[in-house]
Amino acid sequence: MQALLLSTMMFGWTLITLAIMFIPPANRRLVRTYVAIAAIMDFPHWGSFAKALGWEGLAMWRQWDAALWMQLLIPLGTFTIKIAYLAGVFGPDKVLNEKNEKMKTK
């Protein structure tokens, strides 16, 4: 039951992400705020991961299966991408001009 609830929540999160990123008018501030919130949301994920495993489970990291590593490393990778975006590593943002629908760099 928890897996179903979690998958439904993640599907909703995906739809919100697509709406914010691709439906105009998405302005620079909205997108950057969204990415910052998404980065902050990784911390409760890691906290609940650690609480679910407990100290003993965390200490047995060499015995983790692929699913446990995925729960740790995928969010770490996406967190790194979010922080890199906010730091401007990928270059300037491109904002859709509402009037003529052309991309311009900010």
Protein backbone atom coordinates (compact mmCIF):
# COMPACT_ATOMS: atom_id res chain seq x y z
CA MET A 1 0.00 0.00 0.00
CA GLN A 2 2.81 2.42 0.83
CA ALA A 3 4.47 1.75 -2.51
CA LEU A 4 1.24 2.60 -4.31
CA LEU A 5 0.86 5.85 -2.35
CA LEU A 6 4.47 6.78 -2.98
CA SER A 7 4.24 6.04 -6.69
CA THR A 8 1.08 8.17 -6.94
CA MET A 9 2.83 11.03 -5.16
CA MET A 10 5.86 10.75 -7.45
CA PHE A 11 3.62 10.72 -10.53
CA GLY A 12 1.94 13.90 -9.30
CA TRP A 13 5.34 15.48 -8.64
CA THR A 14 6.35 14.58 -12.21
CA LEU A 15 3.23 16.21 -13.64
CA ILE A 16 3.85 19.38 -11.63
CA THR A 17 7.44 19.40 -12.86
CA LEU A 18 6.38 19.09 -16.49
CA ALA A 19 3.76 21.80 -16.09
CA ILE A 20 6.19 24.27 -14.53
CA MET A 21 8.99 23.57 -16.98
CA PHE A 22 7.11 23.40 -20.29
CA ILE A 23 3.80 25.28 -20.09
CA PRO A 24 4.28 29.00 -20.72
CA PRO A 25 4.63 31.46 -19.16
CA ALA A 26 7.32 29.84 -17.01
CA ASN A 27 9.53 32.64 -15.80
CA ARG A 28 13.05 32.31 -14.52
CA ARG A 29 12.19 33.00 -10.89
CA LEU A 30 9.44 30.36 -10.79
CA VAL A 31 11.68 27.67 -12.27
CA ARG A 32 14.62 28.48 -10.01
CA THR A 33 12.37 28.52 -6.93
CA TYR A 34 10.91 25.17 -7.95
CA VAL A 35 14.38 23.64 -8.40
CA ALA A 36 15.50 25.01 -5.02
CA ILE A 37 12.43 23.50 -3.31
CA ALA A 38 13.06 20.19 -5.08
CA ALA A 39 16.67 20.24 -3.81
CA ILE A 40 15.52 20.94 -0.24
CA MET A 41 13.05 18.04 -0.47
CA ASP A 42 15.97 15.62 -0.86
CA PHE A 43 16.98 16.11 2.78
CA PRO A 44 13.80 14.60 4.27
CA HIS A 45 14.21 11.71 1.81
CA TRP A 46 17.69 10.95 3.13
CA GLY A 47 16.50 11.41 6.71
CA SER A 48 13.67 8.94 6.33
CA PHE A 49 16.04 6.56 4.53
CA ALA A 50 18.42 6.67 7.50
CA LYS A 51 15.60 6.33 10.03
CA ALA A 52 14.10 3.35 8.20
CA LEU A 53 17.43 1.51 8.17
CA GLY A 54 18.55 2.56 11.64
CA TRP A 55 22.15 2.62 12.80
CA GLU A 56 22.54 -1.13 12.29
CA GLY A 57 21.23 -1.02 8.73
CA LEU A 58 23.42 1.93 7.84
CA ALA A 59 26.46 0.16 9.29
CA MET A 60 25.78 -2.88 7.07
CA TRP A 61 26.15 -0.82 3.86
CA ARG A 62 28.29 -3.50 2.23
CA GLN A 63 25.31 -5.87 2.27
CA TRP A 64 22.81 -3.47 0.67
CA ASP A 65 21.06 -4.65 -2.46
CA ALA A 66 20.65 -2.55 -5.61
CA ALA A 67 17.31 -1.11 -4.49
CA LEU A 68 18.84 0.40 -1.35
CA TRP A 69 21.74 1.87 -3.28
CA MET A 70 19.27 3.33 -5.77
CA GLN A 71 17.33 4.98 -2.91
CA LEU A 72 20.53 6.70 -1.85
CA LEU A 73 22.47 7.41 -5.03
CA ILE A 74 19.75 8.51 -7.49
CA PRO A 75 18.57 11.36 -5.22
CA LEU A 76 22.21 12.27 -4.60
CA GLY A 77 22.77 12.51 -8.36
CA THR A 78 19.65 14.59 -8.96
CA PHE A 79 20.52 16.81 -5.97
CA THR A 80 23.92 17.47 -7.56
CA ILE A 81 22.25 18.41 -10.87
CA LYS A 82 19.79 20.75 -9.09
CA ILE A 83 22.56 22.54 -7.20
CA ALA A 84 24.66 22.79 -10.37
CA TYR A 85 21.70 24.37 -12.20
CA LEU A 86 21.15 26.88 -9.40
CA ALA A 87 24.88 27.70 -9.42
CA GLY A 88 24.76 28.40 -13.17
CA VAL A 89 27.03 25.53 -14.21
CA PHE A 90 24.89 24.76 -17.27
CA GLY A 91 24.99 28.33 -18.57
CA PRO A 92 22.40 31.10 -18.55
CA ASP A 93 18.69 30.38 -18.34
CA LYS A 94 16.61 30.52 -21.50
CA VAL A 95 13.25 32.20 -20.99
CA LEU A 96 10.31 32.00 -23.38
CA ASN A 97 9.22 35.41 -24.57
CA GLU A 98 5.43 35.50 -24.17
CA LYS A 99 4.78 37.79 -27.15
CA ASN A 100 6.68 36.13 -29.96
CA GLU A 101 7.32 32.73 -28.34
CA LYS A 102 11.08 32.84 -29.05
CA MET A 103 13.71 31.79 -26.59
CA LYS A 104 15.97 34.44 -25.16
CA THR A 105 18.91 34.06 -22.81
CA LYS A 106 18.99 35.76 -19.44
